[in-house]
Amino acid sequence: MERAKVVAEYANGKMIKGYTLNFFPHKDRFHVIPIDKPSDKPIEVIVSQLKAVLVVQDFNGDPQYVERKRFLEGETPYGTPLEVTFGDGQNQAHSETLSQPRYFSNPDT
């Protein structure tokens, strides 16, 4: 299994950027090797404490990227459109296909 670049965003605002080999949506925890301390022991991340887990291509992000909060009226995105409102009021809009799901919900959080 190839390691994935992830950003674990906690409900309290804390964030960990690093690599994981064992994130699975149906598991209650996974481990992250932080990018700022790669030789340290991996950090155990409890999924119920998180707001989101982002699988990223680059830890620096794209400064040109503008996050979409809603789909435009009449827009027909490829795949199933999803608009998510988190407990803190943040909105996010994206679409996904069954062959490449990107959003997993945890009703307990």
PDB file of N, CA and C in Angstrom:
ATOM      1  N   MET A   1       0.842  -1.181   0.000  1.00  0.00           N
ATOM      2  CA  MET A   1       0.000   0.000   0.000  1.00  0.00           C
ATOM      3  C   MET A   1       0.885   1.242   0.000  1.00  0.00           C
ATOM      4  N   GLU A   2       0.542   2.188  -0.831  1.00  0.00           N
ATOM      5  CA  GLU A   2       1.287   3.448  -0.921  1.00  0.00           C
ATOM      6  C   GLU A   2       0.800   4.411   0.153  1.00  0.00           C
ATOM      7  N   ARG A   3       1.724   5.151   0.723  1.00  0.00           N
ATOM      8  CA  ARG A   3       1.307   6.110   1.750  1.00  0.00           C
ATOM      9  C   ARG A   3       0.579   7.284   1.098  1.00  0.00           C
ATOM     10  N   ALA A   4      -0.417   7.787   1.811  1.00  0.00           N
ATOM     11  CA  ALA A   4      -1.231   8.888   1.313  1.00  0.00           C
ATOM     12  C   ALA A   4      -0.898  10.158   2.076  1.00  0.00           C
ATOM     13  N   LYS A   5      -0.893  11.279   1.365  1.00  0.00           N
ATOM     14  CA  LYS A   5      -0.736  12.579   2.000  1.00  0.00           C
ATOM     15  C   LYS A   5      -2.102  12.988   2.528  1.00  0.00           C
ATOM     16  N   VAL A   6      -2.187  13.289   3.823  1.00  0.00           N
ATOM     17  CA  VAL A   6      -3.465  13.660   4.417  1.00  0.00           C
ATOM     18  C   VAL A   6      -3.325  14.901   5.300  1.00  0.00           C
ATOM     19  N   VAL A   7      -4.446  15.574   5.449  1.00  0.00           N
ATOM     20  CA  VAL A   7      -4.579  16.640   6.429  1.00  0.00           C
ATOM     21  C   VAL A   7      -5.752  16.233   7.310  1.00  0.00           C
ATOM     22  N   ALA A   8      -5.469  16.015   8.589  1.00  0.00           N
ATOM     23  CA  ALA A   8      -6.519  15.667   9.553  1.00  0.00           C
ATOM     24  C   ALA A   8      -6.934  16.950  10.248  1.00  0.00           C
ATOM     25  N   GLU A   9      -8.183  17.337  10.062  1.00  0.00           N
ATOM     26  CA  GLU A   9      -8.708  18.575  10.632  1.00  0.00           C
ATOM     27  C   GLU A   9      -9.658  18.212  11.771  1.00  0.00           C
ATOM     28  N   TYR A  10      -9.254  18.569  12.992  1.00  0.00           N
ATOM     29  CA  TYR A  10     -10.043  18.250  14.178  1.00  0.00           C
ATOM     30  C   TYR A  10     -11.216  19.217  14.332  1.00  0.00           C
ATOM     31  N   ALA A  11     -12.240  18.786  15.038  1.00  0.00           N
ATOM     32  CA  ALA A  11     -13.411  19.628  15.303  1.00  0.00           C
ATOM     33  C   ALA A  11     -13.025  20.874  16.099  1.00  0.00           C
ATOM     34  N   ASN A  12     -11.952  20.798  16.908  1.00  0.00           N
ATOM     35  CA  ASN A  12     -11.530  21.943  17.725  1.00  0.00           C
ATOM     36  C   ASN A  12     -10.605  22.901  16.972  1.00  0.00           C
ATOM     37  N   GLY A  13     -10.343  22.649  15.671  1.00  0.00           N
ATOM     38  CA  GLY A  13      -9.516  23.532  14.863  1.00  0.00           C
ATOM     39  C   GLY A  13      -8.079  23.069  14.690  1.00  0.00           C
ATOM     40  N   LYS A  14      -7.618  22.143  15.515  1.00  0.00           N
ATOM     41  CA  LYS A  14      -6.266  21.615  15.386  1.00  0.00           C
ATOM     42  C   LYS A  14      -6.144  20.888  14.040  1.00  0.00           C
ATOM     43  N   MET A  15      -4.932  20.918  13.464  1.00  0.00           N
ATOM     44  CA  MET A  15      -4.724  20.284  12.172  1.00  0.00           C
ATOM     45  C   MET A  15      -3.384  19.552  12.180  1.00  0.00           C
ATOM     46  N   ILE A  16      -3.358  18.361  11.596  1.00  0.00           N
ATOM     47  CA  ILE A  16      -2.125  17.593  11.434  1.00  0.00           C
ATOM     48  C   ILE A  16      -1.959  17.270   9.961  1.00  0.00           C
ATOM     49  N   LYS A  17      -0.796  17.629   9.420  1.00  0.00           N
ATOM     50  CA  LYS A  17      -0.459  17.284   8.031  1.00  0.00           C
ATOM     51  C   LYS A  17       0.590  16.190   8.066  1.00  0.00           C
ATOM     52  N   GLY A  18       0.388  15.156   7.259  1.00  0.00           N
ATOM     53  CA  GLY A  18       1.363  14.086   7.237  1.00  0.00           C
ATOM     54  C   GLY A  18       0.976  12.958   6.298  1.00  0.00           C
ATOM     55  N   TYR A  19       1.571  11.809   6.555  1.00  0.00           N
ATOM     56  CA  TYR A  19       1.379  10.637   5.716  1.00  0.00           C
ATOM     57  C   TYR A  19       0.711   9.523   6.507  1.00  0.00           C
ATOM     58  N   THR A  20      -0.134   8.753   5.833  1.00  0.00           N
ATOM     59  CA  THR A  20      -0.767   7.601   6.471  1.00  0.00           C
ATOM     60  C   THR A  20      -0.725   6.401   5.537  1.00  0.00           C
ATOM     61  N   LEU A  21      -0.680   5.239   6.150  1.00  0.00           N
ATOM     62  CA  LEU A  21      -0.764   3.979   5.412  1.00  0.00           C
ATOM     63  C   LEU A  21      -2.044   3.231   5.759  1.00  0.00           C
ATOM     64  N   ASN A  22      -2.778   3.724   6.775  1.00  0.00           N
ATOM     65  CA  ASN A  22      -3.890   2.916   7.282  1.00  0.00           C
ATOM     66  C   ASN A  22      -5.190   3.692   7.495  1.00  0.00           C
ATOM     67  N   PHE A  23      -5.509   4.649   6.619  1.00  0.00           N
ATOM     68  CA  PHE A  23      -6.816   5.305   6.714  1.00  0.00           C
ATOM     69  C   PHE A  23      -7.828   4.516   5.892  1.00  0.00           C
ATOM     70  N   PHE A  24      -8.878   4.088   6.564  1.00  0.00           N
ATOM     71  CA  PHE A  24     -10.005   3.412   5.921  1.00  0.00           C
ATOM     72  C   PHE A  24     -11.280   4.014   6.500  1.00  0.00           C
ATOM     73  N   PRO A  25     -12.248   4.403   5.675  1.00  0.00           N
ATOM     74  CA  PRO A  25     -13.450   5.083   6.169  1.00  0.00           C
ATOM     75  C   PRO A  25     -14.231   4.307   7.226  1.00  0.00           C
ATOM     76  N   HIS A  26     -14.152   2.995   7.219  1.00  0.00           N
ATOM     77  CA  HIS A  26     -14.940   2.198   8.165  1.00  0.00           C
ATOM     78  C   HIS A  26     -14.211   1.951   9.491  1.00  0.00           C
ATOM     79  N   LYS A  27     -12.988   2.426   9.632  1.00  0.00           N
ATOM     80  CA  LYS A  27     -12.229   2.245  10.875  1.00  0.00           C
ATOM     81  C   LYS A  27     -12.388   3.467  11.772  1.00  0.00           C
ATOM     82  N   ASP A  28     -12.258   3.266  13.086  1.00  0.00           N
ATOM     83  CA  ASP A  28     -12.453   4.372  14.026  1.00  0.00           C
ATOM     84  C   ASP A  28     -11.177   5.157  14.313  1.00  0.00           C
ATOM     85  N   ARG A  29     -10.049   4.719  13.755  1.00  0.00           N
ATOM     86  CA  ARG A  29      -8.781   5.428  13.981  1.00  0.00           C
ATOM     87  C   ARG A  29      -7.794   5.093  12.875  1.00  0.00           C
ATOM     88  N   PHE A  30      -6.784   5.938  12.742  1.00  0.00           N
ATOM     89  CA  PHE A  30      -5.690   5.691  11.816  1.00  0.00           C
ATOM     90  C   PHE A  30      -4.459   6.421  12.352  1.00  0.00           C
ATOM     91  N   HIS A  31      -3.335   6.277  11.692  1.00  0.00           N
ATOM     92  CA  HIS A  31      -2.091   6.868  12.171  1.00  0.00           C
ATOM     93  C   HIS A  31      -1.521   7.819  11.123  1.00  0.00           C
ATOM     94  N   VAL A  32      -0.931   8.915  11.603  1.00  0.00           N
ATOM     95  CA  VAL A  32      -0.326   9.915  10.726  1.00  0.00           C
ATOM     96  C   VAL A  32       1.118  10.147  11.166  1.00  0.00           C
ATOM     97  N   ILE A  33       2.024  10.124  10.203  1.00  0.00           N
ATOM     98  CA  ILE A  33       3.405  10.522  10.436  1.00  0.00           C
ATOM     99  C   ILE A  33       3.480  11.998  10.043  1.00  0.00           C
ATOM    100  N   PRO A  34       3.636  12.898  11.022  1.00  0.00           N
ATOM    101  CA  PRO A  34       3.594  14.340  10.722  1.00  0.00           C
ATOM    102  C   PRO A  34       4.748  14.780   9.817  1.00  0.00           C
ATOM    103  N   ILE A  35       4.465  15.718   8.915  1.00  0.00           N
ATOM    104  CA  ILE A  35       5.517  16.194   8.012  1.00  0.00           C
ATOM    105  C   ILE A  35       6.582  16.982   8.761  1.00  0.00           C
ATOM    106  N   ASP A  36       6.221  17.610   9.886  1.00  0.00           N
ATOM    107  CA  ASP A  36       7.202  18.400  10.625  1.00  0.00           C
ATOM    108  C   ASP A  36       8.053  17.552  11.585  1.00  0.00           C
ATOM    109  N   LYS A  37       7.689  16.286  11.798  1.00  0.00           N
ATOM    110  CA  LYS A  37       8.443  15.382  12.671  1.00  0.00           C
ATOM    111  C   LYS A  37       8.432  13.965  12.085  1.00  0.00           C
ATOM    112  N   PRO A  38       9.017  13.771  10.881  1.00  0.00           N
ATOM    113  CA  PRO A  38       8.911  12.481  10.200  1.00  0.00           C
ATOM    114  C   PRO A  38       9.603  11.319  10.918  1.00  0.00           C
ATOM    115  N   SER A  39      10.530  11.614  11.824  1.00  0.00           N
ATOM    116  CA  SER A  39      11.221  10.521  12.513  1.00  0.00           C
ATOM    117  C   SER A  39      10.537  10.136  13.819  1.00  0.00           C
ATOM    118  N   ASP A  40       9.525  10.904  14.223  1.00  0.00           N
ATOM    119  CA  ASP A  40       8.789  10.597  15.457  1.00  0.00           C
ATOM    120  C   ASP A  40       7.840   9.417  15.254  1.00  0.00           C
ATOM    121  N   LYS A  41       7.341   8.920  16.363  1.00  0.00           N
ATOM    122  CA  LYS A  41       6.332   7.859  16.339  1.00  0.00           C
ATOM    123  C   LYS A  41       5.054   8.411  15.694  1.00  0.00           C
ATOM    124  N   PRO A  42       4.373   7.615  14.873  1.00  0.00           N
ATOM    125  CA  PRO A  42       3.115   8.086  14.260  1.00  0.00           C
ATOM    126  C   PRO A  42       2.084   8.489  15.325  1.00  0.00           C
ATOM    127  N   ILE A  43       1.276   9.470  14.980  1.00  0.00           N
ATOM    128  CA  ILE A  43       0.224   9.961  15.871  1.00  0.00           C
ATOM    129  C   ILE A  43      -1.053   9.184  15.588  1.00  0.00           C
ATOM    130  N   GLU A  44      -1.663   8.664  16.641  1.00  0.00           N
ATOM    131  CA  GLU A  44      -2.945   7.984  16.482  1.00  0.00           C
ATOM    132  C   GLU A  44      -4.041   9.043  16.390  1.00  0.00           C
ATOM    133  N   VAL A  45      -4.850   8.953  15.358  1.00  0.00           N
ATOM    134  CA  VAL A  45      -5.926   9.911  15.117  1.00  0.00           C
ATOM    135  C   VAL A  45      -7.249   9.173  15.301  1.00  0.00           C
ATOM    136  N   ILE A  46      -8.093   9.685  16.200  1.00  0.00           N
ATOM    137  CA  ILE A  46      -9.411   9.111  16.468  1.00  0.00           C
ATOM    138  C   ILE A  46     -10.425   9.835  15.571  1.00  0.00           C
ATOM    139  N   VAL A  47     -11.059   9.097  14.688  1.00  0.00           N
ATOM    140  CA  VAL A  47     -11.944   9.686  13.677  1.00  0.00           C
ATOM    141  C   VAL A  47     -13.096  10.476  14.300  1.00  0.00           C
ATOM    142  N   SER A  48     -13.636  10.034  15.421  1.00  0.00           N
ATOM    143  CA  SER A  48     -14.778  10.732  16.034  1.00  0.00           C
ATOM    144  C   SER A  48     -14.419  12.133  16.519  1.00  0.00           C
ATOM    145  N   GLN A  49     -13.125  12.449  16.628  1.00  0.00           N
ATOM    146  CA  GLN A  49     -12.683  13.780  17.070  1.00  0.00           C
ATOM    147  C   GLN A  49     -12.459  14.734  15.890  1.00  0.00           C
ATOM    148  N   LEU A  50     -12.637  14.218  14.671  1.00  0.00           N
ATOM    149  CA  LEU A  50     -12.318  15.001  13.480  1.00  0.00           C
ATOM    150  C   LEU A  50     -13.522  15.689  12.859  1.00  0.00           C
ATOM    151  N   LYS A  51     -13.224  16.789  12.192  1.00  0.00           N
ATOM    152  CA  LYS A  51     -14.190  17.443  11.319  1.00  0.00           C
ATOM    153  C   LYS A  51     -14.050  16.853   9.917  1.00  0.00           C
ATOM    154  N   ALA A  52     -12.806  16.635   9.479  1.00  0.00           N
ATOM    155  CA  ALA A  52     -12.574  16.141   8.122  1.00  0.00           C
ATOM    156  C   ALA A  52     -11.194  15.504   8.005  1.00  0.00           C
ATOM    157  N   VAL A  53     -11.069  14.598   7.058  1.00  0.00           N
ATOM    158  CA  VAL A  53      -9.780  14.070   6.627  1.00  0.00           C
ATOM    159  C   VAL A  53      -9.675  14.393   5.138  1.00  0.00           C
ATOM    160  N   LEU A  54      -8.670  15.133   4.778  1.00  0.00           N
ATOM    161  CA  LEU A  54      -8.473  15.520   3.396  1.00  0.00           C
ATOM    162  C   LEU A  54      -7.292  14.755   2.828  1.00  0.00           C
ATOM    163  N   VAL A  55      -7.498  14.071   1.730  1.00  0.00           N
ATOM    164  CA  VAL A  55      -6.401  13.423   1.018  1.00  0.00           C
ATOM    165  C   VAL A  55      -5.948  14.439  -0.020  1.00  0.00           C
ATOM    166  N   VAL A  56      -4.679  14.849   0.061  1.00  0.00           N
ATOM    167  CA  VAL A  56      -4.186  15.966  -0.741  1.00  0.00           C
ATOM    168  C   VAL A  56      -3.058  15.533  -1.669  1.00  0.00           C
ATOM    169  N   GLN A  57      -2.843  16.326  -2.704  1.00  0.00           N
ATOM    170  CA  GLN A  57      -1.714  16.088  -3.608  1.00  0.00           C
ATOM    171  C   GLN A  57      -0.481  16.817  -3.114  1.00  0.00           C
ATOM    172  N   ASP A  58      -0.692  17.960  -2.442  1.00  0.00           N
ATOM    173  CA  ASP A  58       0.393  18.834  -2.029  1.00  0.00           C
ATOM    174  C   ASP A  58       0.029  19.462  -0.691  1.00  0.00           C
ATOM    175  N   PHE A  59       0.945  19.456   0.258  1.00  0.00           N
ATOM    176  CA  PHE A  59       0.646  20.023   1.579  1.00  0.00           C
ATOM    177  C   PHE A  59       0.541  21.547   1.561  1.00  0.00           C
ATOM    178  N   ASN A  60       1.108  22.191   0.546  1.00  0.00           N
ATOM    179  CA  ASN A  60       1.074  23.650   0.473  1.00  0.00           C
ATOM    180  C   ASN A  60      -0.234  24.172  -0.087  1.00  0.00           C
ATOM    181  N   GLY A  61      -0.974  23.329  -0.778  1.00  0.00           N
ATOM    182  CA  GLY A  61      -2.230  23.770  -1.373  1.00  0.00           C
ATOM    183  C   GLY A  61      -1.992  24.610  -2.615  1.00  0.00           C
ATOM    184  N   ASP A  62      -3.062  25.116  -3.165  1.00  0.00           N
ATOM    185  CA  ASP A  62      -3.005  25.947  -4.363  1.00  0.00           C
ATOM    186  C   ASP A  62      -3.513  27.331  -3.992  1.00  0.00           C
ATOM    187  N   PRO A  63      -2.635  28.343  -3.950  1.00  0.00           N
ATOM    188  CA  PRO A  63      -3.077  29.681  -3.560  1.00  0.00           C
ATOM    189  C   PRO A  63      -4.117  30.287  -4.508  1.00  0.00           C
ATOM    190  N   GLN A  64      -4.234  29.761  -5.729  1.00  0.00           N
ATOM    191  CA  GLN A  64      -5.213  30.253  -6.700  1.00  0.00           C
ATOM    192  C   GLN A  64      -6.600  29.631  -6.499  1.00  0.00           C
ATOM    193  N   TYR A  65      -6.669  28.569  -5.688  1.00  0.00           N
ATOM    194  CA  TYR A  65      -7.922  27.831  -5.519  1.00  0.00           C
ATOM    195  C   TYR A  65      -8.937  28.645  -4.724  1.00  0.00           C
ATOM    196  N   VAL A  66     -10.153  28.699  -5.233  1.00  0.00           N
ATOM    197  CA  VAL A  66     -11.259  29.344  -4.530  1.00  0.00           C
ATOM    198  C   VAL A  66     -12.286  28.262  -4.222  1.00  0.00           C
ATOM    199  N   GLU A  67     -12.486  27.992  -2.937  1.00  0.00           N
ATOM    200  CA  GLU A  67     -13.411  26.928  -2.537  1.00  0.00           C
ATOM    201  C   GLU A  67     -14.838  27.303  -2.883  1.00  0.00           C
ATOM    202  N   ARG A  68     -15.550  26.347  -3.459  1.00  0.00           N
ATOM    203  CA  ARG A  68     -16.957  26.559  -3.801  1.00  0.00           C
ATOM    204  C   ARG A  68     -17.815  26.207  -2.596  1.00  0.00           C
ATOM    205  N   LYS A  69     -18.717  27.090  -2.263  1.00  0.00           N
ATOM    206  CA  LYS A  69     -19.625  26.856  -1.141  1.00  0.00           C
ATOM    207  C   LYS A  69     -20.949  26.252  -1.597  1.00  0.00           C
ATOM    208  N   ARG A  70     -21.323  26.506  -2.840  1.00  0.00           N
ATOM    209  CA  ARG A  70     -22.587  26.022  -3.397  1.00  0.00           C
ATOM    210  C   ARG A  70     -22.417  25.789  -4.895  1.00  0.00           C
ATOM    211  N   PHE A  71     -23.285  24.956  -5.449  1.00  0.00           N
ATOM    212  CA  PHE A  71     -23.323  24.797  -6.900  1.00  0.00           C
ATOM    213  C   PHE A  71     -24.097  25.974  -7.487  1.00  0.00           C
ATOM    214  N   LEU A  72     -23.726  26.375  -8.694  1.00  0.00           N
ATOM    215  CA  LEU A  72     -24.429  27.452  -9.377  1.00  0.00           C
ATOM    216  C   LEU A  72     -25.771  26.931  -9.879  1.00  0.00           C
ATOM    217  N   GLU A  73     -26.762  27.795  -9.906  1.00  0.00           N
ATOM    218  CA  GLU A  73     -28.088  27.378 -10.377  1.00  0.00           C
ATOM    219  C   GLU A  73     -27.983  26.912 -11.826  1.00  0.00           C
ATOM    220  N   GLY A  74     -28.543  25.748 -12.108  1.00  0.00           N
ATOM    221  CA  GLY A  74     -28.509  25.181 -13.448  1.00  0.00           C
ATOM    222  C   GLY A  74     -27.245  24.392 -13.753  1.00  0.00           C
ATOM    223  N   GLU A  75     -26.282  24.407 -12.855  1.00  0.00           N
ATOM    224  CA  GLU A  75     -25.037  23.669 -13.068  1.00  0.00           C
ATOM    225  C   GLU A  75     -25.303  22.166 -12.966  1.00  0.00           C
ATOM    226  N   THR A  76     -24.700  21.400 -13.846  1.00  0.00           N
ATOM    227  CA  THR A  76     -24.845  19.947 -13.805  1.00  0.00           C
ATOM    228  C   THR A  76     -23.457  19.321 -13.651  1.00  0.00           C
ATOM    229  N   PRO A  77     -23.006  19.169 -12.421  1.00  0.00           N
ATOM    230  CA  PRO A  77     -21.677  18.605 -12.200  1.00  0.00           C
ATOM    231  C   PRO A  77     -21.621  17.137 -12.585  1.00  0.00           C
ATOM    232  N   TYR A  78     -20.425  16.670 -12.921  1.00  0.00           N
ATOM    233  CA  TYR A  78     -20.218  15.264 -13.234  1.00  0.00           C
ATOM    234  C   TYR A  78     -20.351  14.477 -11.943  1.00  0.00           C
ATOM    235  N   GLY A  79     -21.111  13.404 -11.951  1.00  0.00           N
ATOM    236  CA  GLY A  79     -21.306  12.594 -10.753  1.00  0.00           C
ATOM    237  C   GLY A  79     -22.463  13.112  -9.916  1.00  0.00           C
ATOM    238  N   THR A  80     -22.489  12.672  -8.671  1.00  0.00           N
ATOM    239  CA  THR A  80     -23.548  13.065  -7.747  1.00  0.00           C
ATOM    240  C   THR A  80     -23.149  14.340  -7.014  1.00  0.00           C
ATOM    241  N   PRO A  81     -23.939  15.402  -7.123  1.00  0.00           N
ATOM    242  CA  PRO A  81     -23.585  16.636  -6.418  1.00  0.00           C
ATOM    243  C   PRO A  81     -23.852  16.503  -4.916  1.00  0.00           C
ATOM    244  N   LEU A  82     -22.930  16.996  -4.124  1.00  0.00           N
ATOM    245  CA  LEU A  82     -23.066  16.991  -2.669  1.00  0.00           C
ATOM    246  C   LEU A  82     -22.784  18.385  -2.133  1.00  0.00           C
ATOM    247  N   GLU A  83     -23.625  18.855  -1.278  1.00  0.00           N
ATOM    248  CA  GLU A  83     -23.366  20.078  -0.542  1.00  0.00           C
ATOM    249  C   GLU A  83     -23.401  19.704   0.932  1.00  0.00           C
ATOM    250  N   VAL A  84     -22.306  19.980   1.642  1.00  0.00           N
ATOM    251  CA  VAL A  84     -22.156  19.576   3.035  1.00  0.00           C
ATOM    252  C   VAL A  84     -22.052  20.825   3.902  1.00  0.00           C
ATOM    253  N   THR A  85     -22.803  20.836   5.008  1.00  0.00           N
ATOM    254  CA  THR A  85     -22.668  21.885   6.008  1.00  0.00           C
ATOM    255  C   THR A  85     -22.171  21.223   7.286  1.00  0.00           C
ATOM    256  N   PHE A  86     -20.983  21.633   7.729  1.00  0.00           N
ATOM    257  CA  PHE A  86     -20.391  21.068   8.938  1.00  0.00           C
ATOM    258  C   PHE A  86     -21.025  21.701  10.172  1.00  0.00           C
ATOM    259  N   GLY A  87     -20.795  21.088  11.322  1.00  0.00           N
ATOM    260  CA  GLY A  87     -21.351  21.572  12.581  1.00  0.00           C
ATOM    261  C   GLY A  87     -20.954  22.990  12.924  1.00  0.00           C
ATOM    262  N   ASP A  88     -19.802  23.450  12.415  1.00  0.00           N
ATOM    263  CA  ASP A  88     -19.347  24.813  12.703  1.00  0.00           C
ATOM    264  C   ASP A  88     -19.872  25.819  11.682  1.00  0.00           C
ATOM    265  N   GLY A  89     -20.736  25.358  10.755  1.00  0.00           N
ATOM    266  CA  GLY A  89     -21.340  26.255   9.774  1.00  0.00           C
ATOM    267  C   GLY A  89     -20.606  26.331   8.443  1.00  0.00           C
ATOM    268  N   GLN A  90     -19.425  25.745   8.330  1.00  0.00           N
ATOM    269  CA  GLN A  90     -18.699  25.760   7.065  1.00  0.00           C
ATOM    270  C   GLN A  90     -19.456  24.939   6.033  1.00  0.00           C
ATOM    271  N   ASN A  91     -19.566  25.479   4.815  1.00  0.00           N
ATOM    272  CA  ASN A  91     -20.211  24.781   3.703  1.00  0.00           C
ATOM    273  C   ASN A  91     -19.168  24.343   2.698  1.00  0.00           C
ATOM    274  N   GLN A  92     -19.461  23.233   2.013  1.00  0.00           N
ATOM    275  CA  GLN A  92     -18.566  22.730   0.977  1.00  0.00           C
ATOM    276  C   GLN A  92     -19.423  22.062  -0.095  1.00  0.00           C
ATOM    277  N   ALA A  93     -19.071  22.292  -1.355  1.00  0.00           N
ATOM    278  CA  ALA A  93     -19.791  21.678  -2.470  1.00  0.00           C
ATOM    279  C   ALA A  93     -18.808  20.925  -3.348  1.00  0.00           C
ATOM    280  N   HIS A  94     -19.161  19.710  -3.727  1.00  0.00           N
ATOM    281  CA  HIS A  94     -18.373  18.934  -4.677  1.00  0.00           C
ATOM    282  C   HIS A  94     -19.255  17.840  -5.250  1.00  0.00           C
ATOM    283  N   SER A  95     -18.694  17.098  -6.175  1.00  0.00           N
ATOM    284  CA  SER A  95     -19.431  15.961  -6.726  1.00  0.00           C
ATOM    285  C   SER A  95     -18.522  14.743  -6.686  1.00  0.00           C
ATOM    286  N   GLU A  96     -19.131  13.587  -6.721  1.00  0.00           N
ATOM    287  CA  GLU A  96     -18.350  12.357  -6.712  1.00  0.00           C
ATOM    288  C   GLU A  96     -19.067  11.279  -7.495  1.00  0.00           C
ATOM    289  N   THR A  97     -18.298  10.266  -7.849  1.00  0.00           N
ATOM    290  CA  THR A  97     -18.848   9.113  -8.556  1.00  0.00           C
ATOM    291  C   THR A  97     -18.691   7.887  -7.668  1.00  0.00           C
ATOM    292  N   LEU A  98     -19.452   6.848  -7.934  1.00  0.00           N
ATOM    293  CA  LEU A  98     -19.353   5.620  -7.145  1.00  0.00           C
ATOM    294  C   LEU A  98     -17.979   4.972  -7.282  1.00  0.00           C
ATOM    295  N   SER A  99     -17.324   5.170  -8.420  1.00  0.00           N
ATOM    296  CA  SER A  99     -16.008   4.561  -8.609  1.00  0.00           C
ATOM    297  C   SER A  99     -14.915   5.315  -7.858  1.00  0.00           C
ATOM    298  N   GLN A 100     -15.166   6.574  -7.486  1.00  0.00           N
ATOM    299  CA  GLN A 100     -14.181   7.360  -6.754  1.00  0.00           C
ATOM    300  C   GLN A 100     -14.853   8.163  -5.650  1.00  0.00           C
ATOM    301  N   PRO A 101     -15.378   7.498  -4.623  1.00  0.00           N
ATOM    302  CA  PRO A 101     -16.007   8.258  -3.535  1.00  0.00           C
ATOM    303  C   PRO A 101     -14.981   9.075  -2.777  1.00  0.00           C
ATOM    304  N   ARG A 102     -15.355  10.313  -2.413  1.00  0.00           N
ATOM    305  CA  ARG A 102     -14.438  11.187  -1.681  1.00  0.00           C
ATOM    306  C   ARG A 102     -15.025  11.650  -0.362  1.00  0.00           C
ATOM    307  N   TYR A 103     -16.304  11.447  -0.149  1.00  0.00           N
ATOM    308  CA  TYR A 103     -16.929  11.949   1.066  1.00  0.00           C
ATOM    309  C   TYR A 103     -17.529  10.785   1.828  1.00  0.00           C
ATOM    310  N   PHE A 104     -17.120  10.663   3.079  1.00  0.00           N
ATOM    311  CA  PHE A 104     -17.649   9.631   3.957  1.00  0.00           C
ATOM    312  C   PHE A 104     -18.199  10.318   5.188  1.00  0.00           C
ATOM    313  N   SER A 105     -19.410  10.015   5.548  1.00  0.00           N
ATOM    314  CA  SER A 105     -20.037  10.692   6.664  1.00  0.00           C
ATOM    315  C   SER A 105     -20.030   9.817   7.893  1.00  0.00           C
ATOM    316  N   ASN A 106     -19.904  10.474   9.032  1.00  0.00           N
ATOM    317  CA  ASN A 106     -19.979   9.794  10.314  1.00  0.00           C
ATOM    318  C   ASN A 106     -21.116  10.437  11.088  1.00  0.00           C
ATOM    319  N   PRO A 107     -22.272   9.802  11.155  1.00  0.00           N
ATOM    320  CA  PRO A 107     -23.434  10.417  11.812  1.00  0.00           C
ATOM    321  C   PRO A 107     -23.254  10.644  13.303  1.00  0.00           C
ATOM    322  N   ASP A 108     -22.233  10.034  13.908  1.00  0.00           N
ATOM    323  CA  ASP A 108     -22.020  10.192  15.349  1.00  0.00           C
ATOM    324  C   ASP A 108     -21.267  11.460  15.696  1.00  0.00           C
ATOM    325  N   THR A 109     -20.740  12.180  14.681  1.00  0.00           N
ATOM    326  CA  THR A 109     -19.960  13.378  14.983  1.00  0.00           C
ATOM    327  C   THR A 109     -20.656  14.619  14.517  1.00  0.00           C
TER     328      THR A 109
END
